């Protein structure tokens, strides 16, 4: 193989790469984003969840009062059965 021929072929490919780069830099392209109605709905729902309080005070306040007063009792059998129900539904 002759080195001169390799250099000539390499020069041809180099000039094409430069031309492509020059063409893309001359033309300006704008990216566009279109959000579907489902995407907009999901965005609205995410914002609503973000703005919602983490704790519903109307549900937790009576339980806190019972715990503080020492009158809150948990039936262990009832707790175990509910735990098993959740486990069976999960599997």
N, C-alpha and C. Protein backbone atom coordinates (compact mmCIF):
# COMPACT_ATOMS: atom_id res chain seq x y z
N UNK A 1 0.84 -1.18 0.00
CA UNK A 1 0.00 0.00 0.00
C UNK A 1 0.88 1.24 0.00
N UNK A 2 0.49 2.18 -0.80
CA UNK A 2 1.27 3.41 -0.88
C UNK A 2 0.74 4.41 0.13
N UNK A 3 1.61 5.09 0.82
CA UNK A 3 1.24 6.06 1.83
C UNK A 3 0.59 7.29 1.20
N UNK A 4 1.04 7.66 0.01
CA UNK A 4 0.48 8.84 -0.64
C UNK A 4 -1.01 8.65 -0.90
N UNK A 5 -1.40 7.46 -1.33
CA UNK A 5 -2.81 7.19 -1.62
C UNK A 5 -3.63 7.29 -0.33
N UNK A 6 -3.11 6.79 0.77
CA UNK A 6 -3.81 6.87 2.06
C UNK A 6 -4.01 8.32 2.48
N UNK A 7 -2.97 9.12 2.30
CA UNK A 7 -3.07 10.54 2.66
C UNK A 7 -4.11 11.25 1.80
N UNK A 8 -4.18 10.92 0.52
CA UNK A 8 -5.15 11.54 -0.36
C UNK A 8 -6.58 11.16 0.05
N UNK A 9 -6.80 9.90 0.37
CA UNK A 9 -8.13 9.45 0.80
C UNK A 9 -8.48 10.11 2.13
N UNK A 10 -7.54 10.19 3.02
CA UNK A 10 -7.78 10.82 4.32
C UNK A 10 -8.14 12.29 4.15
N UNK A 11 -7.49 12.98 3.23
CA UNK A 11 -7.79 14.39 2.99
C UNK A 11 -9.21 14.57 2.45
N UNK A 12 -9.66 13.65 1.63
CA UNK A 12 -11.02 13.74 1.09
C UNK A 12 -12.04 13.62 2.22
N UNK A 13 -11.83 12.64 3.11
CA UNK A 13 -12.76 12.46 4.22
C UNK A 13 -12.72 13.65 5.19
N UNK A 14 -11.56 14.21 5.41
CA UNK A 14 -11.45 15.36 6.30
C UNK A 14 -12.21 16.56 5.74
N UNK A 15 -12.14 16.77 4.46
CA UNK A 15 -12.84 17.91 3.88
C UNK A 15 -14.35 17.73 3.96
N UNK A 16 -14.85 16.53 3.86
CA UNK A 16 -16.29 16.30 3.97
C UNK A 16 -16.77 16.55 5.39
N UNK A 17 -15.99 16.18 6.37
CA UNK A 17 -16.38 16.41 7.76
C UNK A 17 -16.47 17.91 8.05
N UNK A 18 -15.56 18.66 7.53
CA UNK A 18 -15.57 20.10 7.75
C UNK A 18 -16.80 20.71 7.08
N UNK A 19 -17.13 20.25 5.88
CA UNK A 19 -18.28 20.79 5.17
C UNK A 19 -19.57 20.52 5.93
N UNK A 20 -19.72 19.33 6.48
CA UNK A 20 -20.92 19.01 7.24
C UNK A 20 -21.03 19.90 8.48
N UNK A 21 -19.93 20.11 9.15
CA UNK A 21 -19.94 20.95 10.34
C UNK A 21 -20.28 22.39 9.96
N UNK A 22 -19.77 22.85 8.86
CA UNK A 22 -20.04 24.22 8.43
C UNK A 22 -21.51 24.39 8.07
N UNK A 23 -22.10 23.38 7.43
CA UNK A 23 -23.51 23.47 7.05
C UNK A 23 -24.41 23.51 8.28
N UNK A 24 -24.12 22.69 9.27
CA UNK A 24 -24.99 22.67 10.46
C UNK A 24 -24.87 23.93 11.28
N UNK A 25 -23.70 24.55 11.27
CA UNK A 25 -23.56 25.78 12.05
C UNK A 25 -24.23 26.96 11.36
N UNK A 26 -24.37 26.92 10.04
CA UNK A 26 -25.00 28.01 9.31
C UNK A 26 -26.52 28.01 9.50
N UNK A 27 -27.10 26.85 9.50
CA UNK A 27 -28.55 26.78 9.66
C UNK A 27 -28.88 26.65 11.13
N UNK A 28 -29.77 27.49 11.58
CA UNK A 28 -30.15 27.41 12.98
C UNK A 28 -31.41 26.56 13.11
N UNK A 29 -31.39 25.68 14.05
CA UNK A 29 -32.53 24.82 14.31
C UNK A 29 -33.02 25.08 15.71
N UNK A 30 -34.32 25.05 15.87
CA UNK A 30 -34.90 25.26 17.19
C UNK A 30 -35.53 23.95 17.65
N UNK A 31 -35.26 23.60 18.87
CA UNK A 31 -35.90 22.45 19.46
C UNK A 31 -37.29 22.84 19.92
N UNK A 32 -38.22 21.94 19.76
CA UNK A 32 -39.58 22.20 20.20
C UNK A 32 -40.02 21.07 21.10
N UNK A 33 -40.78 21.44 22.11
CA UNK A 33 -41.32 20.46 23.03
C UNK A 33 -42.83 20.61 23.03
N UNK A 34 -43.51 19.50 22.89
CA UNK A 34 -44.96 19.50 22.96
C UNK A 34 -45.37 18.56 24.07
N UNK A 35 -46.12 19.08 25.03
CA UNK A 35 -46.57 18.27 26.15
C UNK A 35 -48.01 17.84 25.88
N UNK A 36 -48.26 16.56 25.97
CA UNK A 36 -49.60 16.04 25.71
C UNK A 36 -50.55 16.45 26.83
N UNK A 37 -51.83 16.27 26.59
CA UNK A 37 -52.82 16.62 27.61
C UNK A 37 -52.65 15.71 28.83
N UNK A 38 -52.26 14.45 28.60
CA UNK A 38 -52.00 13.55 29.73
C UNK A 38 -50.81 14.06 30.54
N UNK A 39 -49.79 14.52 29.87
CA UNK A 39 -48.63 15.08 30.57
C UNK A 39 -48.99 16.30 31.38
N UNK A 40 -49.86 17.14 30.83
CA UNK A 40 -50.30 18.33 31.56
C UNK A 40 -51.13 17.94 32.78
N UNK A 41 -51.98 16.91 32.62
CA UNK A 41 -52.78 16.43 33.75
C UNK A 41 -51.88 15.88 34.85
N UNK A 42 -50.87 15.13 34.46
CA UNK A 42 -49.94 14.56 35.45
C UNK A 42 -49.20 15.68 36.16
N UNK A 43 -48.81 16.70 35.43
CA UNK A 43 -48.11 17.83 36.04
C UNK A 43 -49.02 18.54 37.05
N UNK A 44 -50.30 18.72 36.70
CA UNK A 44 -51.26 19.34 37.60
C UNK A 44 -51.45 18.50 38.86
N UNK A 45 -51.56 17.18 38.68
CA UNK A 45 -51.73 16.29 39.83
C UNK A 45 -50.51 16.30 40.74
N UNK A 46 -49.33 16.31 40.16
CA UNK A 46 -48.11 16.38 40.96
C UNK A 46 -48.07 17.64 41.81
N UNK A 47 -48.49 18.75 41.22
CA UNK A 47 -48.51 20.01 41.95
C UNK A 47 -49.53 19.96 43.08
N UNK A 48 -50.69 19.34 42.83
CA UNK A 48 -51.72 19.23 43.87
C UNK A 48 -51.23 18.37 45.02
N UNK A 49 -50.54 17.28 44.72
CA UNK A 49 -49.99 16.42 45.78
C UNK A 49 -48.92 17.16 46.56
N UNK A 50 -48.11 17.92 45.85
CA UNK A 50 -47.05 18.68 46.51
C UNK A 50 -47.62 19.72 47.47
N UNK A 51 -48.75 20.33 47.10
CA UNK A 51 -49.37 21.35 47.94
C UNK A 51 -50.22 20.78 49.07
N UNK A 52 -50.57 19.51 48.99
CA UNK A 52 -51.40 18.89 50.02
C UNK A 52 -50.58 18.69 51.30
N UNK A 53 -51.23 18.81 52.45
CA UNK A 53 -50.49 18.60 53.71
C UNK A 53 -50.09 17.13 53.86
N UNK A 54 -48.97 16.90 54.53
CA UNK A 54 -48.47 15.54 54.72
C UNK A 54 -49.32 14.76 55.72
N UNK A 55 -49.90 15.45 56.68
CA UNK A 55 -50.67 14.80 57.74
C UNK A 55 -52.07 15.39 57.76
N UNK A 56 -53.07 14.51 57.81
CA UNK A 56 -54.44 14.98 57.93
C UNK A 56 -54.76 15.11 59.42
N UNK A 57 -54.74 16.31 59.89
CA UNK A 57 -54.88 16.60 61.32
C UNK A 57 -56.21 16.12 61.88
N UNK A 58 -57.29 16.17 61.08
CA UNK A 58 -58.59 15.74 61.58
C UNK A 58 -58.63 14.25 61.91
N UNK A 59 -57.74 13.47 61.32
CA UNK A 59 -57.67 12.04 61.63
C UNK A 59 -56.67 11.73 62.74
N UNK A 60 -55.58 12.46 62.78
CA UNK A 60 -54.53 12.14 63.74
C UNK A 60 -54.74 12.77 65.11
N UNK A 61 -55.46 13.89 65.19
CA UNK A 61 -55.64 14.57 66.48
C UNK A 61 -56.34 13.70 67.52
N UNK A 62 -57.44 13.01 67.19
CA UNK A 62 -58.07 12.16 68.21
C UNK A 62 -57.17 11.01 68.67
N UNK A 63 -56.40 10.45 67.75
CA UNK A 63 -55.48 9.37 68.13
C UNK A 63 -54.38 9.89 69.05
N UNK A 64 -53.86 11.06 68.76
CA UNK A 64 -52.82 11.64 69.61
C UNK A 64 -53.36 11.90 71.02
N UNK A 65 -54.58 12.37 71.09
CA UNK A 65 -55.19 12.62 72.41
C UNK A 65 -55.31 11.32 73.21
N UNK A 66 -55.75 10.24 72.54
CA UNK A 66 -55.89 8.95 73.22
C UNK A 66 -54.53 8.42 73.68
N UNK A 67 -53.54 8.57 72.83
CA UNK A 67 -52.19 8.08 73.18
C UNK A 67 -51.65 8.89 74.36
N UNK A 68 -51.81 10.21 74.32
CA UNK A 68 -51.33 11.06 75.42
C UNK A 68 -52.06 10.75 76.72
N UNK A 69 -53.34 10.42 76.63
CA UNK A 69 -54.13 10.12 77.83
C UNK A 69 -53.90 8.69 78.32
N UNK A 70 -53.27 7.86 77.47
CA UNK A 70 -53.02 6.48 77.85
C UNK A 70 -54.23 5.57 77.67
N UNK A 71 -55.20 6.02 76.89
CA UNK A 71 -56.41 5.22 76.69
C UNK A 71 -56.45 4.54 75.32
N UNK A 72 -55.41 4.64 74.55
CA UNK A 72 -55.38 4.02 73.22
C UNK A 72 -54.88 2.59 73.37
N UNK A 73 -55.72 1.64 73.00
CA UNK A 73 -55.35 0.23 73.07
C UNK A 73 -55.53 -0.41 71.71
N UNK A 74 -54.61 -1.29 71.39
CA UNK A 74 -54.67 -2.01 70.12
C UNK A 74 -54.93 -3.47 70.42
N UNK A 75 -55.96 -4.02 69.79
CA UNK A 75 -56.26 -5.44 69.93
C UNK A 75 -55.26 -6.21 69.06
N UNK A 76 -54.44 -7.03 69.69
CA UNK A 76 -53.38 -7.72 68.95
C UNK A 76 -53.95 -8.69 67.92
N UNK A 77 -55.06 -9.34 68.21
CA UNK A 77 -55.68 -10.25 67.25
C UNK A 77 -56.19 -9.52 66.03
N UNK A 78 -56.82 -8.38 66.26
CA UNK A 78 -57.33 -7.56 65.16
C UNK A 78 -56.16 -7.04 64.31
N UNK A 79 -55.11 -6.62 64.97
CA UNK A 79 -53.93 -6.12 64.26
C UNK A 79 -53.32 -7.23 63.40
N UNK A 80 -53.19 -8.43 63.98
CA UNK A 80 -52.58 -9.55 63.25
C UNK A 80 -53.43 -9.94 62.04
N UNK A 81 -54.74 -9.96 62.19
CA UNK A 81 -55.59 -10.34 61.06
C UNK A 81 -55.51 -9.30 59.93
N UNK A 82 -55.48 -8.02 60.28
CA UNK A 82 -55.35 -6.99 59.26
C UNK A 82 -53.99 -7.05 58.58
N UNK A 83 -52.96 -7.38 59.35
CA UNK A 83 -51.63 -7.51 58.79
C UNK A 83 -51.58 -8.66 57.78
N UNK A 84 -52.21 -9.78 58.13
CA UNK A 84 -52.25 -10.92 57.22
C UNK A 84 -53.07 -10.60 55.97
N UNK A 85 -54.15 -9.87 56.11
CA UNK A 85 -54.95 -9.47 54.95
C UNK A 85 -54.10 -8.64 53.98
N UNK A 86 -53.35 -7.70 54.51
CA UNK A 86 -52.49 -6.86 53.67
C UNK A 86 -51.41 -7.71 52.99
N UNK A 87 -50.88 -8.67 53.73
CA UNK A 87 -49.84 -9.52 53.17
C UNK A 87 -50.40 -10.39 52.04
N UNK A 88 -51.57 -10.94 52.23
CA UNK A 88 -52.19 -11.78 51.20
C UNK A 88 -52.54 -10.97 49.96
N UNK A 89 -53.00 -9.74 50.16
CA UNK A 89 -53.35 -8.89 49.03
C UNK A 89 -52.09 -8.49 48.26
N UNK A 90 -50.98 -8.36 48.95
CA UNK A 90 -49.73 -7.95 48.33
C UNK A 90 -49.12 -9.07 47.48
N UNK A 91 -49.26 -10.31 47.97
CA UNK A 91 -48.65 -11.44 47.26
C UNK A 91 -49.39 -11.66 46.01
